[in-house]
C-alpha atoms as a PDB file:
ATOM      1  CA  MET A   1      -8.294 -99.028 -96.206  1.00  0.00           C
ATOM      2  CA  GLY A   2      -7.082-102.824 -96.637  1.00  0.00           C
ATOM      3  CA  GLU A   3      -4.046-104.493 -97.010  1.00  0.00           C
ATOM      4  CA  ARG A   4      -2.430-105.027-100.666  1.00  0.00           C
ATOM      5  CA  ILE A   5      -1.525-109.073-101.457  1.00  0.00           C
ATOM      6  CA  VAL A   6       0.952-109.390-104.165  1.00  0.00           C
ATOM      7  CA  VAL A   7       1.090-112.847-105.935  1.00  0.00           C
ATOM      8  CA  ASP A   8       3.476-114.009-108.369  1.00  0.00           C
ATOM      9  CA  ALA A   9       2.565-116.480-110.355  1.00  0.00           C
ATOM     10  CA  LYS A  10       4.556-115.884-113.137  1.00  0.00           C
ATOM     11  CA  GLY A  11       5.566-119.133-114.913  1.00  0.00           C
ATOM     12  CA  MET A  12       3.155-121.390-113.641  1.00  0.00           C
ATOM     13  CA  ALA A  13       0.838-123.473-115.721  1.00  0.00           C
ATOM     14  CA  CYS A  14      -2.950-123.808-114.862  1.00  0.00           C
ATOM     15  CA  PRO A  15      -4.088-124.464-112.709  1.00  0.00           C
ATOM     16  CA  GLY A  16      -1.323-122.861-110.840  1.00  0.00           C
ATOM     17  CA  PRO A  17      -2.352-119.135-110.638  1.00  0.00           C
ATOM     18  CA  ILE A  18      -5.921-119.476-109.850  1.00  0.00           C
ATOM     19  CA  THR A  19      -4.601-121.874-107.321  1.00  0.00           C
ATOM     20  CA  LYS A  20      -2.307-119.238-105.757  1.00  0.00           C
ATOM     21  CA  LEU A  21      -5.274-116.371-105.869  1.00  0.00           C
ATOM     22  CA  VAL A  22      -7.497-118.655-104.260  1.00  0.00           C
ATOM     23  CA  LYS A  23      -5.036-119.381-101.044  1.00  0.00           C
ATOM     24  CA  ALA A  24      -4.285-115.678-100.787  1.00  0.00           C
ATOM     25  CA  TYR A  25      -7.956-114.887-101.192  1.00  0.00           C
ATOM     26  CA  ARG A  26      -8.305-117.046 -97.770  1.00  0.00           C
ATOM     27  CA  LYS A  27      -6.034-115.186 -96.050  1.00  0.00           C
ATOM     28  CA  ALA A  28      -7.191-111.791 -96.909  1.00  0.00           C
ATOM     29  CA  LYS A  29     -10.057-109.962 -95.011  1.00  0.00           C
ATOM     30  CA  SER A  30     -12.778-107.772 -96.866  1.00  0.00           C
ATOM     31  CA  GLY A  31     -11.370-104.578 -98.266  1.00  0.00           C
ATOM     32  CA  ASP A  32      -8.094-106.046 -99.116  1.00  0.00           C
ATOM     33  CA  ILE A  33      -6.586-106.045-102.620  1.00  0.00           C
ATOM     34  CA  ILE A  34      -5.010-108.695-104.243  1.00  0.00           C
ATOM     35  CA  GLU A  35      -2.728-107.985-106.933  1.00  0.00           C
ATOM     36  CA  ILE A  36      -1.636-110.973-109.101  1.00  0.00           C
ATOM     37  CA  TYR A  37       0.998-111.642-111.871  1.00  0.00           C
ATOM     38  CA  ALA A  38       0.294-114.572-114.598  1.00  0.00           C
ATOM     39  CA  THR A  39       2.052-115.635-117.777  1.00  0.00           C
ATOM     40  CA  ASP A  40      -0.397-118.514-118.270  1.00  0.00           C
ATOM     41  CA  PRO A  41      -3.147-117.363-120.946  1.00  0.00           C
ATOM     42  CA  GLY A  42      -5.594-119.504-119.276  1.00  0.00           C
ATOM     43  CA  PHE A  43      -5.771-117.422-116.226  1.00  0.00           C
ATOM     44  CA  LYS A  44      -8.336-114.697-117.702  1.00  0.00           C
ATOM     45  CA  PRO A  45     -10.901-116.832-118.297  1.00  0.00           C
ATOM     46  CA  ASP A  46     -10.449-118.760-114.909  1.00  0.00           C
ATOM     47  CA  LEU A  47     -10.051-115.454-113.181  1.00  0.00           C
ATOM     48  CA  GLU A  48     -13.221-114.428-114.942  1.00  0.00           C
ATOM     49  CA  ALA A  49     -15.333-117.693-113.894  1.00  0.00           C
ATOM     50  CA  TRP A  50     -13.865-117.186-109.833  1.00  0.00           C
ATOM     51  CA  ILE A  51     -14.870-113.480-109.815  1.00  0.00           C
ATOM     52  CA  LYS A  52     -18.334-114.676-111.267  1.00  0.00           C
ATOM     53  CA  ARG A  53     -18.447-117.576-109.162  1.00  0.00           C
ATOM     54  CA  THR A  54     -17.269-115.667-105.548  1.00  0.00           C
ATOM     55  CA  GLY A  55     -18.597-112.394-106.313  1.00  0.00           C
ATOM     56  CA  ASN A  56     -15.499-110.142-105.679  1.00  0.00           C
ATOM     57  CA  GLU A  57     -14.662-107.300-107.732  1.00  0.00           C
ATOM     58  CA  LEU A  58     -11.974-107.193-110.253  1.00  0.00           C
ATOM     59  CA  VAL A  59     -10.662-103.672-110.081  1.00  0.00           C
ATOM     60  CA  GLU A  60      -8.142-104.176-112.782  1.00  0.00           C
ATOM     61  CA  ILE A  61      -6.937-106.500-115.640  1.00  0.00           C
ATOM     62  CA  SER A  62      -4.018-105.780-118.019  1.00  0.00           C
ATOM     63  CA  GLU A  63      -1.430-107.274-120.045  1.00  0.00           C
ATOM     64  CA  GLU A  64       2.144-106.307-120.807  1.00  0.00           C
ATOM     65  CA  GLY A  65       4.847-108.154-122.283  1.00  0.00           C
ATOM     66  CA  GLY A  66       3.005-111.486-121.567  1.00  0.00           C
ATOM     67  CA  VAL A  67       2.433-110.421-118.430  1.00  0.00           C
ATOM     68  CA  ILE A  68      -1.439-110.984-117.060  1.00  0.00           C
ATOM     69  CA  LYS A  69      -1.656-108.392-114.072  1.00  0.00           C
ATOM     70  CA  ALA A  70      -5.182-108.355-112.219  1.00  0.00           C
ATOM     71  CA  VAL A  71      -6.109-106.224-109.115  1.00  0.00           C
ATOM     72  CA  ILE A  72      -8.973-107.868-107.476  1.00  0.00           C
ATOM     73  CA  LYS A  73     -10.704-106.330-104.203  1.00  0.00           C
ATOM     74  CA  VAL A  74     -11.877-108.481-101.575  1.00  0.00           C
ATOM     75  CA  THR A  75     -15.659-107.971-100.939  1.00  0.00           C
ATOM     76  CA  ALA A  76     -17.147-111.291-100.658  1.00  0.00           C
ATOM     77  CA  LYS A  77     -15.983-112.223 -97.342  1.00  0.00           C
END
């Protein structure tokens, strides 16, 4: 089982959340889970584009109280 990496990008404007995700991804290994929290509405389309481009797996995306939670499984390493 991989490691769980939690990234808090709440309150950051675009491109902050995706930049923090990329930094976490660079340190991650295949099988790791990255859990990221963001409040920027532009994060969702950025994330979807990043997932398509990198081929990693989007396990879950949800929004509660203005906070977007995304869970990504690192598969493309």
